[in-house]
């Protein structure tokens, strides 16, 4: 069973700042052209994960202490879906085993750019949520 923890509601804004910083780091690393794509996608996954956890904190719900984005999304209250979260499945691997691998699978620049755009959309939706 996944452990969970409740946080003070004020922590949501701090967690979002960290998520935004992780996404900015991913963009800088991507623009550099010198960083492993797995490292960039790890930062993208972390940005999404933290933003989704911030959403739960803001709703005063327990946060699952996991990198599994699907488990986090499953904790969302009914009627409070965040757009594009149905597209995060492939990023989970970059928070776990793939961050320790290099070049095992071919990742294109377009795939990385698409993941960054997905993170931008999810973070934007979380920021706009009530």
N, C-alpha and C. Protein backbone atom coordinates (compact mmCIF):
# COMPACT_ATOMS: atom_id res chain seq x y z
N UNK A 1 0.84 -1.19 0.00
CA UNK A 1 0.00 0.00 0.00
C UNK A 1 0.89 1.25 0.00
N UNK A 2 0.50 2.22 -0.76
CA UNK A 2 1.25 3.46 -0.88
C UNK A 2 1.00 4.34 0.34
N UNK A 3 2.08 4.84 0.92
CA UNK A 3 1.94 5.75 2.05
C UNK A 3 1.39 7.08 1.55
N UNK A 4 0.68 7.76 2.44
CA UNK A 4 0.11 9.07 2.11
C UNK A 4 0.41 10.02 3.25
N UNK A 5 0.37 11.30 2.94
CA UNK A 5 0.58 12.32 3.96
C UNK A 5 -0.25 13.55 3.60
N UNK A 6 -0.81 14.16 4.62
CA UNK A 6 -1.50 15.44 4.43
C UNK A 6 -0.52 16.56 4.74
N UNK A 7 -0.67 17.66 4.02
CA UNK A 7 0.19 18.82 4.18
C UNK A 7 -0.68 20.04 4.45
N UNK A 8 -0.08 21.06 5.02
CA UNK A 8 -0.80 22.31 5.20
C UNK A 8 -1.13 22.89 3.83
N UNK A 9 -2.31 23.47 3.71
CA UNK A 9 -2.78 24.00 2.43
C UNK A 9 -1.79 25.01 1.85
N UNK A 10 -1.12 25.76 2.70
CA UNK A 10 -0.16 26.77 2.23
C UNK A 10 1.02 26.15 1.48
N UNK A 11 1.26 24.87 1.70
CA UNK A 11 2.37 24.19 1.03
C UNK A 11 2.13 24.06 -0.48
N UNK A 12 0.89 24.12 -0.91
CA UNK A 12 0.56 23.97 -2.33
C UNK A 12 1.28 24.99 -3.20
N UNK A 13 1.32 26.24 -2.77
CA UNK A 13 1.98 27.27 -3.59
C UNK A 13 3.49 27.06 -3.64
N UNK A 14 4.07 26.61 -2.54
CA UNK A 14 5.52 26.34 -2.54
C UNK A 14 5.84 25.16 -3.46
N UNK A 15 4.98 24.15 -3.40
CA UNK A 15 5.19 22.98 -4.26
C UNK A 15 5.05 23.35 -5.73
N UNK A 16 4.12 24.24 -6.06
CA UNK A 16 3.97 24.70 -7.45
C UNK A 16 5.21 25.46 -7.91
N UNK A 17 5.80 26.25 -7.03
CA UNK A 17 7.03 26.97 -7.40
C UNK A 17 8.15 26.00 -7.73
N UNK A 18 8.23 24.92 -6.97
CA UNK A 18 9.24 23.90 -7.25
C UNK A 18 8.94 23.22 -8.59
N UNK A 19 7.67 22.94 -8.85
CA UNK A 19 7.27 22.32 -10.12
C UNK A 19 7.65 23.21 -11.30
N UNK A 20 7.38 24.49 -11.16
CA UNK A 20 7.73 25.45 -12.22
C UNK A 20 9.23 25.48 -12.43
N UNK A 21 9.98 25.46 -11.35
CA UNK A 21 11.44 25.44 -11.44
C UNK A 21 11.93 24.17 -12.13
N UNK A 22 11.34 23.03 -11.81
CA UNK A 22 11.72 21.78 -12.48
C UNK A 22 11.45 21.85 -13.97
N UNK A 23 10.32 22.43 -14.35
CA UNK A 23 9.99 22.56 -15.77
C UNK A 23 10.97 23.51 -16.46
N UNK A 24 11.30 24.61 -15.81
CA UNK A 24 12.28 25.54 -16.40
C UNK A 24 13.64 24.87 -16.56
N UNK A 25 14.03 24.05 -15.59
CA UNK A 25 15.29 23.31 -15.69
C UNK A 25 15.26 22.38 -16.90
N UNK A 26 14.13 21.71 -17.11
CA UNK A 26 14.00 20.82 -18.27
C UNK A 26 14.16 21.59 -19.57
N UNK A 27 13.56 22.76 -19.64
CA UNK A 27 13.66 23.58 -20.86
C UNK A 27 15.10 24.02 -21.12
N UNK A 28 15.78 24.43 -20.07
CA UNK A 28 17.18 24.87 -20.21
C UNK A 28 18.06 23.70 -20.64
N UNK A 29 17.87 22.56 -20.01
CA UNK A 29 18.65 21.38 -20.38
C UNK A 29 18.38 20.97 -21.82
N UNK A 30 17.12 21.03 -22.24
CA UNK A 30 16.76 20.68 -23.62
C UNK A 30 17.40 21.65 -24.60
N UNK A 31 17.34 22.92 -24.30
CA UNK A 31 17.92 23.93 -25.19
C UNK A 31 19.43 23.80 -25.30
N UNK A 32 20.07 23.29 -24.26
CA UNK A 32 21.53 23.17 -24.28
C UNK A 32 22.01 22.16 -25.31
N UNK A 33 21.22 21.13 -25.54
CA UNK A 33 21.62 20.10 -26.49
C UNK A 33 22.69 19.16 -25.98
N UNK A 34 23.11 19.33 -24.74
CA UNK A 34 24.20 18.52 -24.19
C UNK A 34 23.76 17.55 -23.10
N UNK A 35 22.50 17.47 -22.83
CA UNK A 35 22.00 16.69 -21.70
C UNK A 35 21.27 15.45 -22.18
N UNK A 36 21.43 14.37 -21.43
CA UNK A 36 20.70 13.15 -21.74
C UNK A 36 19.20 13.43 -21.80
N UNK A 37 18.54 12.89 -22.77
CA UNK A 37 17.08 13.07 -22.88
C UNK A 37 16.38 12.47 -21.67
N UNK A 38 16.92 11.38 -21.12
CA UNK A 38 16.33 10.77 -19.94
C UNK A 38 16.34 11.75 -18.75
N UNK A 39 17.40 12.53 -18.63
CA UNK A 39 17.50 13.52 -17.55
C UNK A 39 16.45 14.62 -17.73
N UNK A 40 16.28 15.06 -18.96
CA UNK A 40 15.28 16.09 -19.25
C UNK A 40 13.88 15.56 -18.93
N UNK A 41 13.60 14.35 -19.35
CA UNK A 41 12.27 13.77 -19.10
C UNK A 41 12.05 13.48 -17.62
N UNK A 42 13.11 13.21 -16.88
CA UNK A 42 12.99 13.09 -15.43
C UNK A 42 12.51 14.42 -14.85
N UNK A 43 13.09 15.53 -15.29
CA UNK A 43 12.69 16.85 -14.81
C UNK A 43 11.25 17.16 -15.20
N UNK A 44 10.86 16.77 -16.40
CA UNK A 44 9.48 16.98 -16.85
C UNK A 44 8.52 16.18 -15.97
N UNK A 45 8.86 14.91 -15.72
CA UNK A 45 8.00 14.08 -14.87
C UNK A 45 7.89 14.69 -13.48
N UNK A 46 9.00 15.17 -12.94
CA UNK A 46 9.00 15.76 -11.61
C UNK A 46 8.13 17.02 -11.56
N UNK A 47 8.18 17.81 -12.61
CA UNK A 47 7.35 19.02 -12.66
C UNK A 47 5.87 18.64 -12.63
N UNK A 48 5.49 17.66 -13.42
CA UNK A 48 4.09 17.22 -13.45
C UNK A 48 3.71 16.62 -12.11
N UNK A 49 4.55 15.76 -11.59
CA UNK A 49 4.26 15.10 -10.31
C UNK A 49 4.03 16.12 -9.20
N UNK A 50 4.91 17.09 -9.09
CA UNK A 50 4.79 18.09 -8.03
C UNK A 50 3.57 18.97 -8.22
N UNK A 51 3.25 19.28 -9.47
CA UNK A 51 2.06 20.11 -9.69
C UNK A 51 0.79 19.35 -9.32
N UNK A 52 0.73 18.07 -9.65
CA UNK A 52 -0.44 17.26 -9.30
C UNK A 52 -0.56 17.09 -7.78
N UNK A 53 0.57 16.93 -7.12
CA UNK A 53 0.56 16.85 -5.66
C UNK A 53 0.14 18.19 -5.06
N UNK A 54 0.56 19.30 -5.67
CA UNK A 54 0.13 20.62 -5.20
C UNK A 54 -1.38 20.76 -5.32
N UNK A 55 -1.95 20.23 -6.39
CA UNK A 55 -3.41 20.25 -6.56
C UNK A 55 -4.09 19.54 -5.39
N UNK A 56 -3.58 18.37 -5.03
CA UNK A 56 -4.16 17.62 -3.91
C UNK A 56 -4.01 18.38 -2.59
N UNK A 57 -2.84 18.97 -2.39
CA UNK A 57 -2.61 19.75 -1.15
C UNK A 57 -3.60 20.91 -1.09
N UNK A 58 -3.77 21.59 -2.21
CA UNK A 58 -4.70 22.72 -2.28
C UNK A 58 -6.12 22.30 -1.95
N UNK A 59 -6.48 21.07 -2.31
CA UNK A 59 -7.81 20.53 -2.02
C UNK A 59 -7.88 19.91 -0.63
N UNK A 60 -6.78 20.01 0.11
CA UNK A 60 -6.68 19.48 1.48
C UNK A 60 -6.90 17.97 1.54
N UNK A 61 -6.34 17.29 0.54
CA UNK A 61 -6.43 15.83 0.45
C UNK A 61 -5.06 15.22 0.74
N UNK A 62 -5.07 13.98 1.16
CA UNK A 62 -3.81 13.26 1.40
C UNK A 62 -3.09 13.06 0.07
N UNK A 63 -1.78 13.16 0.13
CA UNK A 63 -0.93 13.03 -1.05
C UNK A 63 -0.23 11.68 -1.00
N UNK A 64 -0.39 10.86 -2.03
CA UNK A 64 0.34 9.59 -2.06
C UNK A 64 1.84 9.87 -2.25
N UNK A 65 2.67 9.24 -1.45
CA UNK A 65 4.11 9.44 -1.53
C UNK A 65 4.69 8.45 -2.53
N UNK A 66 4.53 8.80 -3.79
CA UNK A 66 4.91 7.93 -4.90
C UNK A 66 5.28 8.77 -6.11
N UNK A 67 5.99 8.14 -7.05
CA UNK A 67 6.27 8.78 -8.34
C UNK A 67 5.24 8.35 -9.38
N UNK A 68 4.35 7.45 -9.02
CA UNK A 68 3.36 6.93 -9.97
C UNK A 68 2.28 7.99 -10.20
N UNK A 69 2.37 8.66 -11.32
CA UNK A 69 1.43 9.74 -11.63
C UNK A 69 -0.01 9.26 -11.65
N UNK A 70 -0.23 8.03 -12.07
CA UNK A 70 -1.60 7.50 -12.12
C UNK A 70 -2.19 7.36 -10.72
N UNK A 71 -1.38 6.94 -9.75
CA UNK A 71 -1.88 6.84 -8.37
C UNK A 71 -2.23 8.22 -7.81
N UNK A 72 -1.44 9.21 -8.19
CA UNK A 72 -1.72 10.58 -7.74
C UNK A 72 -3.02 11.08 -8.37
N UNK A 73 -3.17 10.87 -9.66
CA UNK A 73 -4.37 11.31 -10.39
C UNK A 73 -5.61 10.59 -9.85
N UNK A 74 -5.45 9.32 -9.48
CA UNK A 74 -6.59 8.56 -8.94
C UNK A 74 -7.13 9.16 -7.65
N UNK A 75 -6.35 9.99 -6.98
CA UNK A 75 -6.79 10.61 -5.72
C UNK A 75 -7.59 11.89 -5.93
N UNK A 76 -7.67 12.35 -7.19
CA UNK A 76 -8.42 13.58 -7.47
C UNK A 76 -9.89 13.38 -7.14
N UNK A 77 -10.52 14.38 -6.55
CA UNK A 77 -11.95 14.27 -6.28
C UNK A 77 -12.75 14.24 -7.59
N UNK A 78 -13.88 13.57 -7.54
CA UNK A 78 -14.75 13.50 -8.73
C UNK A 78 -15.12 14.92 -9.17
N UNK A 79 -15.09 15.13 -10.47
CA UNK A 79 -15.44 16.43 -11.02
C UNK A 79 -14.30 17.44 -11.00
N UNK A 80 -13.11 17.01 -10.63
CA UNK A 80 -11.96 17.92 -10.56
C UNK A 80 -10.79 17.40 -11.39
N UNK A 81 -11.07 16.97 -12.59
CA UNK A 81 -10.03 16.45 -13.46
C UNK A 81 -9.15 17.59 -13.98
N UNK A 82 -7.89 17.29 -14.17
CA UNK A 82 -6.95 18.23 -14.77
C UNK A 82 -6.74 17.77 -16.22
N UNK A 83 -6.93 18.66 -17.19
CA UNK A 83 -6.77 18.27 -18.60
C UNK A 83 -5.39 17.68 -18.88
N UNK A 84 -5.34 16.75 -19.79
CA UNK A 84 -4.12 16.14 -20.32
C UNK A 84 -3.49 15.10 -19.39
N UNK A 85 -4.05 14.86 -18.22
CA UNK A 85 -3.44 13.89 -17.33
C UNK A 85 -3.56 12.45 -17.85
N UNK A 86 -4.40 12.26 -18.86
CA UNK A 86 -4.50 10.94 -19.48
C UNK A 86 -3.30 10.63 -20.37
N UNK A 87 -2.38 11.58 -20.52
CA UNK A 87 -1.23 11.42 -21.40
C UNK A 87 0.09 11.24 -20.65
N UNK A 88 0.04 11.05 -19.35
CA UNK A 88 1.28 11.03 -18.55
C UNK A 88 1.91 9.65 -18.36
N UNK A 89 1.21 8.61 -18.73
CA UNK A 89 1.66 7.24 -18.48
C UNK A 89 3.13 7.00 -18.86
N UNK A 90 3.53 7.43 -20.05
CA UNK A 90 4.88 7.14 -20.53
C UNK A 90 5.97 7.88 -19.76
N UNK A 91 5.61 8.91 -19.01
CA UNK A 91 6.63 9.66 -18.27
C UNK A 91 7.00 9.03 -16.93
N UNK A 92 6.15 8.17 -16.40
CA UNK A 92 6.39 7.58 -15.08
C UNK A 92 7.74 6.87 -15.04
N UNK A 93 8.09 6.19 -16.11
CA UNK A 93 9.34 5.43 -16.15
C UNK A 93 10.57 6.31 -15.95
N UNK A 94 10.48 7.59 -16.26
CA UNK A 94 11.63 8.48 -16.14
C UNK A 94 11.86 8.95 -14.70
N UNK A 95 10.90 8.71 -13.82
CA UNK A 95 11.08 9.02 -12.40
C UNK A 95 11.62 7.81 -11.66
N UNK A 96 11.65 6.69 -12.34
CA UNK A 96 12.10 5.47 -11.67
C UNK A 96 13.28 4.89 -12.44
N UNK A 97 13.10 3.79 -13.10
CA UNK A 97 14.21 3.05 -13.68
C UNK A 97 14.94 3.79 -14.80
N UNK A 98 14.23 4.51 -15.64
CA UNK A 98 14.87 5.13 -16.81
C UNK A 98 15.83 6.27 -16.46
N UNK A 99 15.70 6.85 -15.28
CA UNK A 99 16.64 7.91 -14.93
C UNK A 99 18.03 7.35 -14.68
N UNK A 100 18.14 6.02 -14.54
CA UNK A 100 19.43 5.37 -14.33
C UNK A 100 19.98 4.73 -15.59
N UNK A 101 19.27 4.91 -16.69
CA UNK A 101 19.67 4.31 -17.95
C UNK A 101 20.09 5.39 -18.93
N UNK A 102 20.88 4.98 -19.91
CA UNK A 102 21.32 5.93 -20.92
C UNK A 102 21.22 5.30 -22.29
N UNK A 103 20.32 5.83 -23.11
CA UNK A 103 20.25 5.42 -24.50
C UNK A 103 19.65 4.06 -24.76
N UNK A 104 18.98 3.45 -23.80
CA UNK A 104 18.37 2.14 -24.03
C UNK A 104 17.27 2.18 -25.07
N UNK A 105 16.58 3.28 -25.14
CA UNK A 105 15.53 3.46 -26.13
C UNK A 105 15.80 4.76 -26.88
N UNK A 106 15.42 4.78 -28.11
CA UNK A 106 15.63 5.99 -28.91
C UNK A 106 14.56 7.00 -28.55
N UNK A 107 14.99 8.17 -28.13
CA UNK A 107 14.09 9.27 -27.81
C UNK A 107 14.40 10.41 -28.77
N UNK A 108 13.39 10.90 -29.45
CA UNK A 108 13.60 11.98 -30.40
C UNK A 108 13.46 13.34 -29.71
N UNK A 109 14.02 14.33 -30.33
CA UNK A 109 13.84 15.70 -29.82
C UNK A 109 12.37 16.09 -29.81
N UNK A 110 11.62 15.62 -30.79
CA UNK A 110 10.18 15.95 -30.84
C UNK A 110 9.44 15.32 -29.66
N UNK A 111 9.81 14.10 -29.29
CA UNK A 111 9.17 13.47 -28.13
C UNK A 111 9.45 14.26 -26.85
N UNK A 112 10.67 14.74 -26.71
CA UNK A 112 11.03 15.53 -25.53
C UNK A 112 10.28 16.86 -25.55
N UNK A 113 10.25 17.52 -26.72
CA UNK A 113 9.53 18.79 -26.84
C UNK A 113 8.04 18.59 -26.54
N UNK A 114 7.48 17.48 -27.00
CA UNK A 114 6.07 17.19 -26.74
C UNK A 114 5.82 16.99 -25.24
N UNK A 115 6.73 16.33 -24.55
CA UNK A 115 6.60 16.12 -23.11
C UNK A 115 6.67 17.46 -22.37
N UNK A 116 7.53 18.35 -22.83
CA UNK A 116 7.63 19.68 -22.21
C UNK A 116 6.33 20.44 -22.41
N UNK A 117 5.75 20.37 -23.61
CA UNK A 117 4.47 21.04 -23.87
C UNK A 117 3.36 20.45 -23.00
N UNK A 118 3.38 19.14 -22.81
CA UNK A 118 2.40 18.49 -21.95
C UNK A 118 2.52 19.01 -20.52
N UNK A 119 3.75 19.10 -20.02
CA UNK A 119 3.97 19.62 -18.67
C UNK A 119 3.49 21.06 -18.56
N UNK A 120 3.76 21.88 -19.57
CA UNK A 120 3.28 23.27 -19.56
C UNK A 120 1.77 23.32 -19.45
N UNK A 121 1.10 22.46 -20.21
CA UNK A 121 -0.38 22.44 -20.19
C UNK A 121 -0.91 22.00 -18.83
N UNK A 122 -0.30 20.97 -18.26
CA UNK A 122 -0.77 20.47 -16.96
C UNK A 122 -0.50 21.48 -15.86
N UNK A 123 0.70 22.06 -15.84
CA UNK A 123 1.00 23.07 -14.81
C UNK A 123 0.07 24.27 -14.96
N UNK A 124 -0.20 24.67 -16.19
CA UNK A 124 -1.13 25.79 -16.42
C UNK A 124 -2.52 25.48 -15.92
N UNK A 125 -2.98 24.25 -16.15
CA UNK A 125 -4.32 23.85 -15.68
C UNK A 125 -4.38 23.79 -14.16
N UNK A 126 -3.32 23.30 -13.53
CA UNK A 126 -3.29 23.24 -12.06
C UNK A 126 -3.31 24.65 -11.49
N UNK A 127 -2.54 25.55 -12.08
CA UNK A 127 -2.51 26.95 -11.59
C UNK A 127 -3.90 27.59 -11.68
N UNK A 128 -4.66 27.27 -12.72
CA UNK A 128 -5.98 27.86 -12.91
C UNK A 128 -7.07 27.19 -12.07
N UNK A 129 -6.79 26.01 -11.54
CA UNK A 129 -7.81 25.27 -10.80
C UNK A 129 -8.14 25.95 -9.48
N UNK A 130 -9.34 25.71 -9.00
CA UNK A 130 -9.77 26.29 -7.73
C UNK A 130 -9.53 25.36 -6.59
